[in-house]
């Protein structure tokens, strides 16, 4: 169980996907009390209700939220934040859709 993230180009074609796995999600939202300060990140908190699309500017804002929250999560998950940021910065990504189980 996790949050699925699908990447789309400007024509709306799927160009990739990734997942925020359950343990990583817990590190972001359960083991960390600072997530509520990050407007774009907090939209991903609920496994079951998450169903959100971000445009390119919102993706940039989400990246900033991940960068800022990184210091508050356990060290063993910080590399996952870095990897997710790299994926969000992939060339051609115009929108992303995030959905829970």
N, C-alpha and C. Protein backbone atom coordinates (compact mmCIF):
# COMPACT_ATOMS: atom_id res chain seq x y z
N UNK A 1 0.86 -1.17 0.00
CA UNK A 1 0.00 0.00 0.00
C UNK A 1 0.90 1.23 0.00
N UNK A 2 0.59 2.17 -0.85
CA UNK A 2 1.36 3.40 -0.94
C UNK A 2 0.62 4.44 -1.74
N UNK A 3 1.33 5.50 -2.05
CA UNK A 3 0.79 6.55 -2.91
C UNK A 3 1.44 6.39 -4.28
N UNK A 4 0.65 6.15 -5.30
CA UNK A 4 1.15 6.04 -6.67
C UNK A 4 1.24 7.44 -7.27
N UNK A 5 2.36 7.70 -7.95
CA UNK A 5 2.57 8.98 -8.62
C UNK A 5 2.82 8.69 -10.09
N UNK A 6 1.98 9.27 -10.96
CA UNK A 6 2.10 9.09 -12.40
C UNK A 6 2.51 10.42 -13.01
N UNK A 7 3.53 10.38 -13.88
CA UNK A 7 4.07 11.58 -14.52
C UNK A 7 3.50 11.71 -15.93
N UNK A 8 3.11 12.94 -16.31
CA UNK A 8 2.55 13.21 -17.63
C UNK A 8 3.30 14.35 -18.31
N UNK A 9 3.40 14.26 -19.63
CA UNK A 9 4.01 15.35 -20.40
C UNK A 9 2.95 16.40 -20.74
N UNK A 10 3.33 17.42 -21.52
CA UNK A 10 2.38 18.51 -21.79
C UNK A 10 1.23 18.09 -22.69
N UNK A 11 1.36 16.95 -23.36
CA UNK A 11 0.24 16.42 -24.16
C UNK A 11 -0.66 15.51 -23.34
N UNK A 12 -0.31 15.31 -22.09
CA UNK A 12 -1.12 14.45 -21.23
C UNK A 12 -0.79 12.97 -21.35
N UNK A 13 0.33 12.66 -22.01
CA UNK A 13 0.75 11.27 -22.15
C UNK A 13 1.57 10.85 -20.93
N UNK A 14 1.30 9.65 -20.44
CA UNK A 14 2.06 9.13 -19.31
C UNK A 14 3.51 8.89 -19.73
N UNK A 15 4.43 9.41 -18.90
CA UNK A 15 5.86 9.25 -19.23
C UNK A 15 6.64 8.55 -18.10
N UNK A 16 5.95 8.14 -17.07
CA UNK A 16 6.62 7.43 -15.99
C UNK A 16 5.75 7.36 -14.75
N UNK A 17 6.25 6.64 -13.77
CA UNK A 17 5.52 6.54 -12.51
C UNK A 17 6.47 6.10 -11.40
N UNK A 18 6.05 6.32 -10.19
CA UNK A 18 6.79 5.88 -9.01
C UNK A 18 5.79 5.71 -7.88
N UNK A 19 6.28 5.34 -6.72
CA UNK A 19 5.41 5.12 -5.57
C UNK A 19 6.08 5.64 -4.31
N UNK A 20 5.30 6.24 -3.45
CA UNK A 20 5.73 6.50 -2.08
C UNK A 20 5.26 5.30 -1.30
N UNK A 21 6.19 4.41 -0.96
CA UNK A 21 5.84 3.17 -0.28
C UNK A 21 5.42 3.45 1.16
N UNK A 22 4.74 2.49 1.74
CA UNK A 22 4.15 2.63 3.06
C UNK A 22 5.15 3.09 4.12
N UNK A 23 6.33 2.48 4.18
CA UNK A 23 7.31 2.84 5.19
C UNK A 23 7.82 4.27 5.01
N UNK A 24 8.03 4.66 3.76
CA UNK A 24 8.46 6.02 3.44
C UNK A 24 7.36 7.01 3.81
N UNK A 25 6.12 6.65 3.50
CA UNK A 25 4.97 7.48 3.86
C UNK A 25 4.91 7.68 5.37
N UNK A 26 5.11 6.60 6.12
CA UNK A 26 5.12 6.71 7.58
C UNK A 26 6.22 7.64 8.07
N UNK A 27 7.39 7.56 7.44
CA UNK A 27 8.50 8.44 7.82
C UNK A 27 8.14 9.90 7.58
N UNK A 28 7.40 10.16 6.51
CA UNK A 28 7.00 11.54 6.19
C UNK A 28 5.89 12.05 7.10
N UNK A 29 4.94 11.19 7.44
CA UNK A 29 3.72 11.68 8.08
C UNK A 29 3.46 11.15 9.49
N UNK A 30 3.97 9.99 9.84
CA UNK A 30 3.70 9.43 11.17
C UNK A 30 4.87 9.70 12.11
N UNK A 31 6.07 9.47 11.62
CA UNK A 31 7.27 9.65 12.45
C UNK A 31 7.77 11.08 12.43
N UNK A 32 7.05 11.98 11.81
CA UNK A 32 7.46 13.36 11.64
C UNK A 32 6.24 14.24 11.93
N UNK A 33 6.40 15.22 12.77
CA UNK A 33 5.28 16.10 13.12
C UNK A 33 5.27 17.41 12.36
N UNK A 34 6.18 17.59 11.43
CA UNK A 34 6.32 18.88 10.75
C UNK A 34 5.64 18.95 9.39
N UNK A 35 5.07 17.87 8.93
CA UNK A 35 4.49 17.82 7.59
C UNK A 35 3.34 18.81 7.40
N UNK A 36 2.61 19.14 8.46
CA UNK A 36 1.44 20.00 8.34
C UNK A 36 1.75 21.41 7.88
N UNK A 37 3.02 21.81 8.00
CA UNK A 37 3.43 23.15 7.58
C UNK A 37 3.61 23.26 6.07
N UNK A 38 3.57 22.14 5.37
CA UNK A 38 3.88 22.12 3.94
C UNK A 38 2.62 21.85 3.12
N UNK A 39 2.10 22.90 2.54
CA UNK A 39 0.81 22.89 1.86
C UNK A 39 0.69 21.79 0.80
N UNK A 40 1.70 21.63 -0.04
CA UNK A 40 1.61 20.68 -1.15
C UNK A 40 1.88 19.25 -0.68
N UNK A 41 2.76 19.10 0.27
CA UNK A 41 3.07 17.78 0.81
C UNK A 41 1.90 17.21 1.60
N UNK A 42 1.25 18.04 2.38
CA UNK A 42 0.19 17.52 3.25
C UNK A 42 -1.00 16.96 2.48
N UNK A 43 -1.12 17.28 1.21
CA UNK A 43 -2.19 16.71 0.39
C UNK A 43 -2.00 15.21 0.16
N UNK A 44 -0.80 14.71 0.48
CA UNK A 44 -0.48 13.29 0.25
C UNK A 44 -0.58 12.46 1.52
N UNK A 45 -1.05 13.02 2.61
CA UNK A 45 -1.03 12.35 3.90
C UNK A 45 -1.93 11.11 3.96
N UNK A 46 -3.11 11.18 3.43
CA UNK A 46 -4.09 10.11 3.61
C UNK A 46 -3.98 9.06 2.49
N UNK A 47 -3.62 7.82 2.88
CA UNK A 47 -3.51 6.73 1.91
C UNK A 47 -4.79 6.54 1.10
N UNK A 48 -5.92 6.66 1.75
CA UNK A 48 -7.18 6.29 1.12
C UNK A 48 -7.86 7.44 0.39
N UNK A 49 -7.63 8.66 0.83
CA UNK A 49 -8.32 9.79 0.23
C UNK A 49 -7.47 10.56 -0.78
N UNK A 50 -6.18 10.28 -0.84
CA UNK A 50 -5.32 11.03 -1.76
C UNK A 50 -5.73 10.76 -3.20
N UNK A 51 -6.04 11.84 -3.89
CA UNK A 51 -6.39 11.81 -5.30
C UNK A 51 -6.20 13.23 -5.80
N UNK A 52 -4.97 13.59 -6.13
CA UNK A 52 -4.65 14.98 -6.44
C UNK A 52 -3.75 15.06 -7.67
N UNK A 53 -3.97 16.09 -8.46
CA UNK A 53 -3.14 16.38 -9.63
C UNK A 53 -2.43 17.70 -9.40
N UNK A 54 -1.14 17.71 -9.69
CA UNK A 54 -0.33 18.92 -9.57
C UNK A 54 0.12 19.37 -10.96
N UNK A 55 0.00 20.67 -11.25
CA UNK A 55 0.55 21.20 -12.49
C UNK A 55 2.05 21.46 -12.27
N UNK A 56 2.75 21.95 -13.29
CA UNK A 56 4.21 22.11 -13.19
C UNK A 56 4.61 23.01 -12.03
N UNK A 57 3.93 24.13 -11.85
CA UNK A 57 4.28 25.03 -10.75
C UNK A 57 4.02 24.37 -9.40
N UNK A 58 2.94 23.63 -9.30
CA UNK A 58 2.65 22.92 -8.06
C UNK A 58 3.67 21.81 -7.80
N UNK A 59 4.16 21.17 -8.87
CA UNK A 59 5.21 20.17 -8.71
C UNK A 59 6.46 20.84 -8.14
N UNK A 60 6.79 22.02 -8.63
CA UNK A 60 7.94 22.76 -8.10
C UNK A 60 7.73 23.07 -6.62
N UNK A 61 6.52 23.45 -6.27
CA UNK A 61 6.22 23.73 -4.86
C UNK A 61 6.31 22.46 -4.01
N UNK A 62 5.85 21.34 -4.56
CA UNK A 62 5.96 20.06 -3.86
C UNK A 62 7.43 19.68 -3.66
N UNK A 63 8.25 19.91 -4.66
CA UNK A 63 9.69 19.66 -4.54
C UNK A 63 10.27 20.47 -3.38
N UNK A 64 9.89 21.73 -3.29
CA UNK A 64 10.37 22.58 -2.19
C UNK A 64 9.90 22.04 -0.84
N UNK A 65 8.67 21.57 -0.80
CA UNK A 65 8.17 20.97 0.45
C UNK A 65 9.01 19.75 0.84
N UNK A 66 9.32 18.89 -0.14
CA UNK A 66 10.14 17.72 0.15
C UNK A 66 11.53 18.12 0.62
N UNK A 67 12.12 19.13 -0.02
CA UNK A 67 13.44 19.61 0.41
C UNK A 67 13.40 20.11 1.85
N UNK A 68 12.36 20.83 2.19
CA UNK A 68 12.26 21.41 3.53
C UNK A 68 11.95 20.38 4.61
N UNK A 69 11.14 19.39 4.30
CA UNK A 69 10.77 18.40 5.31
C UNK A 69 11.86 17.33 5.48
N UNK A 70 12.75 17.24 4.53
CA UNK A 70 13.80 16.20 4.53
C UNK A 70 14.55 16.14 5.85
N UNK A 71 14.90 17.28 6.41
CA UNK A 71 15.71 17.30 7.64
C UNK A 71 14.96 16.75 8.86
N UNK A 72 13.65 16.65 8.77
CA UNK A 72 12.85 16.20 9.90
C UNK A 72 12.54 14.71 9.89
N UNK A 73 12.87 14.03 8.81
CA UNK A 73 12.56 12.61 8.73
C UNK A 73 13.80 11.79 9.08
N UNK A 74 13.61 10.51 9.46
CA UNK A 74 14.75 9.67 9.80
C UNK A 74 15.77 9.60 8.65
N UNK A 75 17.03 9.57 9.00
CA UNK A 75 18.11 9.59 8.01
C UNK A 75 18.00 8.48 6.97
N UNK A 76 17.50 7.32 7.38
CA UNK A 76 17.42 6.21 6.43
C UNK A 76 16.42 6.45 5.30
N UNK A 77 15.60 7.48 5.41
CA UNK A 77 14.62 7.81 4.36
C UNK A 77 15.01 9.05 3.57
N UNK A 78 16.05 9.74 3.95
CA UNK A 78 16.42 10.97 3.27
C UNK A 78 16.85 10.72 1.83
N UNK A 79 17.49 9.58 1.55
CA UNK A 79 17.85 9.25 0.17
C UNK A 79 16.61 9.04 -0.69
N UNK A 80 15.54 8.53 -0.10
CA UNK A 80 14.30 8.35 -0.85
C UNK A 80 13.70 9.71 -1.23
N UNK A 81 13.83 10.67 -0.34
CA UNK A 81 13.37 12.03 -0.66
C UNK A 81 14.17 12.55 -1.86
N UNK A 82 15.48 12.38 -1.80
CA UNK A 82 16.34 12.85 -2.89
C UNK A 82 15.98 12.18 -4.21
N UNK A 83 15.75 10.88 -4.17
CA UNK A 83 15.37 10.15 -5.39
C UNK A 83 14.04 10.61 -5.95
N UNK A 84 13.09 10.85 -5.07
CA UNK A 84 11.78 11.32 -5.51
C UNK A 84 11.89 12.71 -6.14
N UNK A 85 12.69 13.57 -5.54
CA UNK A 85 12.89 14.90 -6.11
C UNK A 85 13.48 14.80 -7.51
N UNK A 86 14.45 13.92 -7.70
CA UNK A 86 15.04 13.74 -9.04
C UNK A 86 13.98 13.30 -10.05
N UNK A 87 13.11 12.40 -9.64
CA UNK A 87 12.05 11.94 -10.54
C UNK A 87 11.08 13.08 -10.86
N UNK A 88 10.74 13.89 -9.88
CA UNK A 88 9.82 15.00 -10.10
C UNK A 88 10.43 16.06 -11.02
N UNK A 89 11.76 16.11 -11.07
CA UNK A 89 12.46 17.08 -11.93
C UNK A 89 12.77 16.53 -13.32
N UNK A 90 12.32 15.31 -13.62
CA UNK A 90 12.61 14.72 -14.93
C UNK A 90 12.18 15.66 -16.04
N UNK A 91 12.99 15.77 -17.09
CA UNK A 91 12.60 16.60 -18.24
C UNK A 91 11.27 16.13 -18.82
N UNK A 92 10.44 17.07 -19.15
CA UNK A 92 9.18 16.75 -19.79
C UNK A 92 8.01 16.56 -18.87
N UNK A 93 8.24 16.49 -17.56
CA UNK A 93 7.13 16.32 -16.63
C UNK A 93 6.38 17.64 -16.49
N UNK A 94 5.14 17.62 -16.90
CA UNK A 94 4.30 18.82 -16.81
C UNK A 94 3.26 18.73 -15.69
N UNK A 95 2.74 17.53 -15.51
CA UNK A 95 1.77 17.31 -14.42
C UNK A 95 2.06 15.95 -13.80
N UNK A 96 1.60 15.81 -12.56
CA UNK A 96 1.65 14.51 -11.91
C UNK A 96 0.29 14.26 -11.28
N UNK A 97 -0.05 13.00 -11.18
CA UNK A 97 -1.27 12.60 -10.48
C UNK A 97 -0.87 11.65 -9.37
N UNK A 98 -1.33 11.94 -8.16
CA UNK A 98 -1.02 11.13 -6.98
C UNK A 98 -2.31 10.51 -6.47
N UNK A 99 -2.28 9.20 -6.25
CA UNK A 99 -3.48 8.51 -5.78
C UNK A 99 -3.10 7.44 -4.78
N UNK A 100 -3.91 7.34 -3.74
CA UNK A 100 -3.71 6.31 -2.74
C UNK A 100 -4.45 5.05 -3.12
N UNK A 101 -4.36 4.08 -2.24
CA UNK A 101 -5.03 2.79 -2.46
C UNK A 101 -6.51 2.86 -2.22
